[in-house]
Amino acid sequence: MLNLYQQHFPEPPTIIKAEIEAINLDFLQDDLLKLLNSMRIGTERIRGIVHSLQNFSRHDESELKKVDIHQGIDSTLMLLQSRLKGTAKHPEIIVIKDYDQLPKIHCYSGQLNQVFMNLLDNAIDSIYSNSVSVQGEIKIQTRVMSKNQISIKISDNGGGILDKSKPKLFEPFFTTKPVGKGTGLGLFICHKIIVNQHGGNLYCHSNFGQGAEFIVEIPITN
């Protein structure tokens, strides 16, 4: 409507000209669409985060239920987006997903999502501790191993783990992080959730300086 008025009345009265200049109309016309688009993107992101929080926590699903493992992983990645984004010191971390066609898994979904959060968070920490010139990558692979077992592999190209540290990884209060950076309980809790709560296994393969891979194996029905 404003554009039509400007086309048909190119010379408005002085009072209108003054008001156009006072409110910087040209800038507003150009900036308003950008502002509305930014608001739309922002609200969609907020909606995505809230949805991911709901999927991640699943307070209404404290019992064993059949769930989509990929949905849990994707929700965890959404919550970690701010850490995956590039900074002045580190380039953006690339996440490569290699998902198999998994059946729904009978599990404690909230607890399993805590495992994904811990493993992915550790992978990000490992990449950040590595050289800033290295392009960080996290690979997530899911596979059906047998009629009643699946595996989830989370690997990174971070600093890796020393051989002497590997036997202690799942012990309580053991951490490879600097003082004040870790509690030493994350992997211990992950191990308890996978082994004790789900009857599965949790392994780690790593060569120092060449990244690490954590393998979660859980039964399809528990």
C-alpha atoms as a PDB file:
ATOM      1  CA  MET A   1       0.000   0.000   0.000  1.00  0.00           C
ATOM      2  CA  LEU A   2       2.830   2.402   0.847  1.00  0.00           C
ATOM      3  CA  ASN A   3       4.531   1.634  -2.447  1.00  0.00           C
ATOM      4  CA  LEU A   4       1.294   2.373  -4.339  1.00  0.00           C
ATOM      5  CA  TYR A   5       0.903   5.727  -2.565  1.00  0.00           C
ATOM      6  CA  GLN A   6       4.531   6.603  -3.365  1.00  0.00           C
ATOM      7  CA  GLN A   7       4.011   5.722  -7.049  1.00  0.00           C
ATOM      8  CA  HIS A   8       0.798   7.727  -7.460  1.00  0.00           C
ATOM      9  CA  PHE A   9       1.662  10.590  -5.114  1.00  0.00           C
ATOM     10  CA  PRO A  10       5.419  11.066  -5.551  1.00  0.00           C
ATOM     11  CA  GLU A  11       5.277  14.591  -4.072  1.00  0.00           C
ATOM     12  CA  PRO A  12       3.392  14.454  -0.741  1.00  0.00           C
ATOM     13  CA  PRO A  13       2.804  17.554   1.400  1.00  0.00           C
ATOM     14  CA  THR A  14       5.698  18.912   3.446  1.00  0.00           C
ATOM     15  CA  ILE A  15       4.338  17.564   6.735  1.00  0.00           C
ATOM     16  CA  ILE A  16       4.276  14.017   5.310  1.00  0.00           C
ATOM     17  CA  LYS A  17       7.808  14.415   3.886  1.00  0.00           C
ATOM     18  CA  ALA A  18       9.013  15.486   7.301  1.00  0.00           C
ATOM     19  CA  GLU A  19       7.405  12.469   8.959  1.00  0.00           C
ATOM     20  CA  ILE A  20       8.913  10.111   6.336  1.00  0.00           C
ATOM     21  CA  GLU A  21      12.355  11.448   7.169  1.00  0.00           C
ATOM     22  CA  ALA A  22      11.695  11.388  10.918  1.00  0.00           C
ATOM     23  CA  ILE A  23      10.781   7.691  10.986  1.00  0.00           C
ATOM     24  CA  ASN A  24      13.331   6.713   8.283  1.00  0.00           C
ATOM     25  CA  LEU A  25      10.607   5.058   6.183  1.00  0.00           C
ATOM     26  CA  ASP A  26      12.909   3.648   3.496  1.00  0.00           C
ATOM     27  CA  PHE A  27      14.938   1.805   6.124  1.00  0.00           C
ATOM     28  CA  LEU A  28      11.811   0.502   7.848  1.00  0.00           C
ATOM     29  CA  GLN A  29      10.365  -0.842   4.610  1.00  0.00           C
ATOM     30  CA  ASP A  30      13.581  -2.685   3.846  1.00  0.00           C
ATOM     31  CA  ASP A  31      14.304  -3.846   7.411  1.00  0.00           C
ATOM     32  CA  LEU A  32      10.802  -4.919   8.474  1.00  0.00           C
ATOM     33  CA  LEU A  33      10.733  -8.025   6.268  1.00  0.00           C
ATOM     34  CA  LYS A  34      14.198  -9.023   7.516  1.00  0.00           C
ATOM     35  CA  LEU A  35      13.053  -8.492  11.104  1.00  0.00           C
ATOM     36  CA  LEU A  36       9.910 -10.571  10.630  1.00  0.00           C
ATOM     37  CA  ASN A  37      11.944 -13.336   8.969  1.00  0.00           C
ATOM     38  CA  SER A  38      14.423 -13.336  11.857  1.00  0.00           C
ATOM     39  CA  MET A  39      11.522 -13.583  14.315  1.00  0.00           C
ATOM     40  CA  ARG A  40      10.072 -16.516  12.365  1.00  0.00           C
ATOM     41  CA  ILE A  41      13.415 -18.340  12.336  1.00  0.00           C
ATOM     42  CA  GLY A  42      13.862 -17.595  16.046  1.00  0.00           C
ATOM     43  CA  THR A  43      10.436 -18.910  17.017  1.00  0.00           C
ATOM     44  CA  GLU A  44      10.929 -22.052  14.904  1.00  0.00           C
ATOM     45  CA  ARG A  45      14.243 -22.654  16.674  1.00  0.00           C
ATOM     46  CA  ILE A  46      12.616 -22.137  20.098  1.00  0.00           C
ATOM     47  CA  ARG A  47       9.875 -24.583  19.116  1.00  0.00           C
ATOM     48  CA  GLY A  48      12.531 -27.104  18.044  1.00  0.00           C
ATOM     49  CA  ILE A  49      14.435 -26.730  21.319  1.00  0.00           C
ATOM     50  CA  VAL A  50      11.274 -27.148  23.421  1.00  0.00           C
ATOM     51  CA  HIS A  51      10.307 -30.226  21.390  1.00  0.00           C
ATOM     52  CA  SER A  52      13.822 -31.629  21.846  1.00  0.00           C
ATOM     53  CA  LEU A  53      13.691 -31.002  25.587  1.00  0.00           C
ATOM     54  CA  GLN A  54      10.403 -32.890  25.764  1.00  0.00           C
ATOM     55  CA  ASN A  55      11.862 -35.813  23.817  1.00  0.00           C
ATOM     56  CA  PHE A  56      15.090 -35.723  25.812  1.00  0.00           C
ATOM     57  CA  SER A  57      13.609 -35.662  29.307  1.00  0.00           C
ATOM     58  CA  ARG A  58      10.467 -37.767  28.750  1.00  0.00           C
ATOM     59  CA  HIS A  59       9.361 -37.330  32.369  1.00  0.00           C
ATOM     60  CA  ASP A  60       6.138 -39.106  31.469  1.00  0.00           C
ATOM     61  CA  GLU A  61       8.059 -42.201  30.350  1.00  0.00           C
ATOM     62  CA  SER A  62       9.922 -43.405  33.446  1.00  0.00           C
ATOM     63  CA  GLU A  63       8.958 -47.016  32.668  1.00  0.00           C
ATOM     64  CA  LEU A  64      10.258 -49.291  29.948  1.00  0.00           C
ATOM     65  CA  LYS A  65       8.667 -48.284  26.644  1.00  0.00           C
ATOM     66  CA  LYS A  66       9.331 -48.739  22.950  1.00  0.00           C
ATOM     67  CA  VAL A  67      10.982 -45.625  21.525  1.00  0.00           C
ATOM     68  CA  ASP A  68      12.737 -44.348  18.413  1.00  0.00           C
ATOM     69  CA  ILE A  69      16.472 -44.236  19.231  1.00  0.00           C
ATOM     70  CA  HIS A  70      17.195 -41.851  16.356  1.00  0.00           C
ATOM     71  CA  GLN A  71      14.697 -39.358  17.721  1.00  0.00           C
ATOM     72  CA  GLY A  72      16.546 -39.384  21.045  1.00  0.00           C
ATOM     73  CA  ILE A  73      19.923 -38.830  19.361  1.00  0.00           C
ATOM     74  CA  ASP A  74      18.562 -36.014  17.179  1.00  0.00           C
ATOM     75  CA  SER A  75      16.969 -34.304  20.181  1.00  0.00           C
ATOM     76  CA  THR A  76      20.294 -34.468  22.034  1.00  0.00           C
ATOM     77  CA  LEU A  77      22.112 -32.959  19.040  1.00  0.00           C
ATOM     78  CA  MET A  78      19.579 -30.129  18.950  1.00  0.00           C
ATOM     79  CA  LEU A  79      20.310 -29.329  22.605  1.00  0.00           C
ATOM     80  CA  LEU A  80      24.049 -29.321  21.839  1.00  0.00           C
ATOM     81  CA  GLN A  81      23.789 -27.040  18.788  1.00  0.00           C
ATOM     82  CA  SER A  82      25.362 -24.085  20.572  1.00  0.00           C
ATOM     83  CA  ARG A  83      28.466 -26.182  21.333  1.00  0.00           C
ATOM     84  CA  LEU A  84      28.682 -27.584  17.796  1.00  0.00           C
ATOM     85  CA  LYS A  85      28.657 -24.149  16.168  1.00  0.00           C
ATOM     86  CA  GLY A  86      31.923 -22.531  15.161  1.00  0.00           C
ATOM     87  CA  THR A  87      33.635 -19.902  17.305  1.00  0.00           C
ATOM     88  CA  ALA A  88      36.551 -17.523  16.867  1.00  0.00           C
ATOM     89  CA  LYS A  89      38.842 -20.249  18.229  1.00  0.00           C
ATOM     90  CA  HIS A  90      37.292 -23.362  16.671  1.00  0.00           C
ATOM     91  CA  PRO A  91      35.561 -24.140  13.353  1.00  0.00           C
ATOM     92  CA  GLU A  92      32.092 -25.655  13.400  1.00  0.00           C
ATOM     93  CA  ILE A  93      32.003 -29.343  14.336  1.00  0.00           C
ATOM     94  CA  ILE A  94      30.560 -31.470  11.533  1.00  0.00           C
ATOM     95  CA  VAL A  95      28.145 -34.243  12.580  1.00  0.00           C
ATOM     96  CA  ILE A  96      27.926 -37.210  10.209  1.00  0.00           C
ATOM     97  CA  LYS A  97      24.928 -39.496  10.757  1.00  0.00           C
ATOM     98  CA  ASP A  98      24.874 -43.035   9.389  1.00  0.00           C
ATOM     99  CA  TYR A  99      21.548 -44.398  10.585  1.00  0.00           C
ATOM    100  CA  ASP A 100      20.379 -47.944   9.985  1.00  0.00           C
ATOM    101  CA  GLN A 101      16.700 -48.905   9.762  1.00  0.00           C
ATOM    102  CA  LEU A 102      16.184 -49.603  13.459  1.00  0.00           C
ATOM    103  CA  PRO A 103      13.090 -51.040  15.106  1.00  0.00           C
ATOM    104  CA  LYS A 104      11.710 -49.279  18.152  1.00  0.00           C
ATOM    105  CA  ILE A 105      13.714 -50.191  21.243  1.00  0.00           C
ATOM    106  CA  HIS A 106      12.268 -51.281  24.589  1.00  0.00           C
ATOM    107  CA  CYS A 107      14.194 -49.014  26.985  1.00  0.00           C
ATOM    108  CA  TYR A 108      14.229 -46.253  29.582  1.00  0.00           C
ATOM    109  CA  SER A 109      14.361 -43.445  27.023  1.00  0.00           C
ATOM    110  CA  GLY A 110      15.204 -40.616  29.437  1.00  0.00           C
ATOM    111  CA  GLN A 111      18.180 -42.520  30.828  1.00  0.00           C
ATOM    112  CA  LEU A 112      19.366 -43.500  27.347  1.00  0.00           C
ATOM    113  CA  ASN A 113      19.219 -39.875  26.239  1.00  0.00           C
ATOM    114  CA  GLN A 114      21.469 -38.997  29.213  1.00  0.00           C
ATOM    115  CA  VAL A 115      23.995 -41.489  27.829  1.00  0.00           C
ATOM    116  CA  PHE A 116      23.882 -39.850  24.392  1.00  0.00           C
ATOM    117  CA  MET A 117      24.294 -36.425  25.998  1.00  0.00           C
ATOM    118  CA  ASN A 118      27.351 -37.511  27.989  1.00  0.00           C
ATOM    119  CA  LEU A 119      29.046 -39.271  25.069  1.00  0.00           C
ATOM    120  CA  LEU A 120      28.416 -36.430  22.603  1.00  0.00           C
ATOM    121  CA  ASP A 121      29.424 -33.780  25.132  1.00  0.00           C
ATOM    122  CA  ASN A 122      32.683 -35.652  25.796  1.00  0.00           C
ATOM    123  CA  ALA A 123      33.321 -35.919  22.054  1.00  0.00           C
ATOM    124  CA  ILE A 124      32.928 -32.146  21.695  1.00  0.00           C
ATOM    125  CA  ASP A 125      35.286 -31.546  24.647  1.00  0.00           C
ATOM    126  CA  SER A 126      37.855 -33.855  23.070  1.00  0.00           C
ATOM    127  CA  ILE A 127      37.697 -32.001  19.746  1.00  0.00           C
ATOM    128  CA  TYR A 128      38.004 -28.617  21.472  1.00  0.00           C
ATOM    129  CA  SER A 129      41.084 -29.835  23.328  1.00  0.00           C
ATOM    130  CA  ASN A 130      42.708 -30.725  20.011  1.00  0.00           C
ATOM    131  CA  SER A 131      44.470 -28.366  17.591  1.00  0.00           C
ATOM    132  CA  VAL A 132      42.312 -25.448  16.430  1.00  0.00           C
ATOM    133  CA  SER A 133      43.356 -26.092  12.817  1.00  0.00           C
ATOM    134  CA  VAL A 134      41.663 -29.510  12.723  1.00  0.00           C
ATOM    135  CA  GLN A 135      38.135 -29.723  11.315  1.00  0.00           C
ATOM    136  CA  GLY A 136      36.154 -31.360  14.108  1.00  0.00           C
ATOM    137  CA  GLU A 137      33.987 -34.328  13.144  1.00  0.00           C
ATOM    138  CA  ILE A 138      31.608 -36.505  15.115  1.00  0.00           C
ATOM    139  CA  LYS A 139      30.249 -39.640  13.468  1.00  0.00           C
ATOM    140  CA  ILE A 140      27.140 -41.404  14.729  1.00  0.00           C
ATOM    141  CA  GLN A 141      26.430 -44.868  13.356  1.00  0.00           C
ATOM    142  CA  THR A 142      23.528 -47.137  14.274  1.00  0.00           C
ATOM    143  CA  ARG A 143      23.248 -50.782  13.267  1.00  0.00           C
ATOM    144  CA  VAL A 144      21.052 -53.826  13.853  1.00  0.00           C
ATOM    145  CA  MET A 145      23.520 -56.454  15.104  1.00  0.00           C
ATOM    146  CA  SER A 146      21.173 -59.404  15.533  1.00  0.00           C
ATOM    147  CA  LYS A 147      17.498 -60.219  16.024  1.00  0.00           C
ATOM    148  CA  ASN A 148      17.606 -58.720  19.513  1.00  0.00           C
ATOM    149  CA  GLN A 149      20.498 -56.286  19.606  1.00  0.00           C
ATOM    150  CA  ILE A 150      21.499 -52.938  18.134  1.00  0.00           C
ATOM    151  CA  SER A 151      24.652 -50.847  18.374  1.00  0.00           C
ATOM    152  CA  ILE A 152      25.217 -47.091  18.497  1.00  0.00           C
ATOM    153  CA  LYS A 153      28.747 -45.903  17.727  1.00  0.00           C
ATOM    154  CA  ILE A 154      29.786 -42.328  18.523  1.00  0.00           C
ATOM    155  CA  SER A 155      33.273 -41.419  17.306  1.00  0.00           C
ATOM    156  CA  ASP A 156      35.277 -38.204  17.143  1.00  0.00           C
ATOM    157  CA  ASN A 157      38.594 -36.999  15.743  1.00  0.00           C
ATOM    158  CA  GLY A 158      39.680 -35.341  18.981  1.00  0.00           C
ATOM    159  CA  GLY A 159      42.747 -35.957  21.100  1.00  0.00           C
ATOM    160  CA  GLY A 160      42.032 -39.588  21.934  1.00  0.00           C
ATOM    161  CA  ILE A 161      42.667 -41.435  25.199  1.00  0.00           C
ATOM    162  CA  LEU A 162      45.961 -42.609  26.684  1.00  0.00           C
ATOM    163  CA  ASP A 163      46.405 -46.390  26.982  1.00  0.00           C
ATOM    164  CA  LYS A 164      46.933 -46.122  30.746  1.00  0.00           C
ATOM    165  CA  SER A 165      43.577 -44.324  31.122  1.00  0.00           C
ATOM    166  CA  LYS A 166      41.440 -46.826  29.203  1.00  0.00           C
ATOM    167  CA  PRO A 167      41.004 -49.418  32.012  1.00  0.00           C
ATOM    168  CA  LYS A 168      39.771 -46.664  34.374  1.00  0.00           C
ATOM    169  CA  LEU A 169      37.349 -44.904  32.020  1.00  0.00           C
ATOM    170  CA  PHE A 170      34.169 -46.250  33.624  1.00  0.00           C
ATOM    171  CA  GLU A 171      35.365 -46.011  37.223  1.00  0.00           C
ATOM    172  CA  PRO A 172      33.665 -43.415  39.449  1.00  0.00           C
ATOM    173  CA  PHE A 173      35.490 -40.093  39.864  1.00  0.00           C
ATOM    174  CA  PHE A 174      38.086 -40.879  37.188  1.00  0.00           C
ATOM    175  CA  THR A 175      38.432 -38.157  34.553  1.00  0.00           C
ATOM    176  CA  THR A 176      40.896 -37.305  31.809  1.00  0.00           C
ATOM    177  CA  LYS A 177      39.796 -33.664  31.838  1.00  0.00           C
ATOM    178  CA  PRO A 178      41.780 -30.878  33.529  1.00  0.00           C
ATOM    179  CA  VAL A 179      41.119 -30.117  37.195  1.00  0.00           C
ATOM    180  CA  GLY A 180      37.777 -28.379  37.601  1.00  0.00           C
ATOM    181  CA  LYS A 181      36.513 -29.449  34.159  1.00  0.00           C
ATOM    182  CA  GLY A 182      34.939 -32.800  34.947  1.00  0.00           C
ATOM    183  CA  THR A 183      33.429 -34.755  37.834  1.00  0.00           C
ATOM    184  CA  GLY A 184      34.512 -38.200  36.693  1.00  0.00           C
ATOM    185  CA  LEU A 185      30.934 -39.464  36.954  1.00  0.00           C
ATOM    186  CA  GLY A 186      29.661 -39.084  33.368  1.00  0.00           C
ATOM    187  CA  LEU A 187      31.032 -42.328  31.892  1.00  0.00           C
ATOM    188  CA  PHE A 188      30.483 -44.177  35.160  1.00  0.00           C
ATOM    189  CA  ILE A 189      26.763 -43.291  35.021  1.00  0.00           C
ATOM    190  CA  CYS A 190      26.611 -44.144  31.306  1.00  0.00           C
ATOM    191  CA  HIS A 191      28.063 -47.584  32.037  1.00  0.00           C
ATOM    192  CA  LYS A 192      25.551 -48.194  34.842  1.00  0.00           C
ATOM    193  CA  ILE A 193      22.615 -47.171  32.635  1.00  0.00           C
ATOM    194  CA  ILE A 194      23.660 -49.345  29.692  1.00  0.00           C
ATOM    195  CA  VAL A 195      24.865 -52.420  31.603  1.00  0.00           C
ATOM    196  CA  ASN A 196      22.703 -52.480  34.745  1.00  0.00           C
ATOM    197  CA  GLN A 197      19.477 -50.859  33.503  1.00  0.00           C
ATOM    198  CA  HIS A 198      19.390 -52.191  29.944  1.00  0.00           C
ATOM    199  CA  GLY A 199      21.473 -55.378  30.031  1.00  0.00           C
ATOM    200  CA  GLY A 200      23.768 -54.045  27.334  1.00  0.00           C
ATOM    201  CA  ASN A 201      27.442 -53.186  26.918  1.00  0.00           C
ATOM    202  CA  LEU A 202      29.512 -50.018  26.617  1.00  0.00           C
ATOM    203  CA  TYR A 203      33.004 -50.104  25.082  1.00  0.00           C
ATOM    204  CA  CYS A 204      35.657 -47.617  24.047  1.00  0.00           C
ATOM    205  CA  HIS A 205      38.207 -47.875  21.245  1.00  0.00           C
ATOM    206  CA  SER A 206      40.844 -45.157  21.058  1.00  0.00           C
ATOM    207  CA  ASN A 207      44.378 -44.402  19.942  1.00  0.00           C
ATOM    208  CA  PHE A 208      45.924 -41.373  21.579  1.00  0.00           C
ATOM    209  CA  GLY A 209      46.003 -38.475  19.132  1.00  0.00           C
ATOM    210  CA  GLN A 210      43.565 -40.201  16.756  1.00  0.00           C
ATOM    211  CA  GLY A 211      40.201 -39.693  18.404  1.00  0.00           C
ATOM    212  CA  ALA A 212      37.918 -42.097  20.240  1.00  0.00           C
ATOM    213  CA  GLU A 213      34.924 -44.306  19.531  1.00  0.00           C
ATOM    214  CA  PHE A 214      32.329 -45.345  22.097  1.00  0.00           C
ATOM    215  CA  ILE A 215      30.122 -48.313  21.261  1.00  0.00           C
ATOM    216  CA  VAL A 216      26.752 -48.802  22.949  1.00  0.00           C
ATOM    217  CA  GLU A 217      25.125 -52.216  22.530  1.00  0.00           C
ATOM    218  CA  ILE A 218      21.608 -52.717  23.851  1.00  0.00           C
ATOM    219  CA  PRO A 219      18.916 -55.370  23.368  1.00  0.00           C
ATOM    220  CA  ILE A 220      15.867 -54.489  21.297  1.00  0.00           C
ATOM    221  CA  THR A 221      13.597 -55.983  23.960  1.00  0.00           C
ATOM    222  CA  ASN A 222      14.571 -55.849  27.614  1.00  0.00           C
END
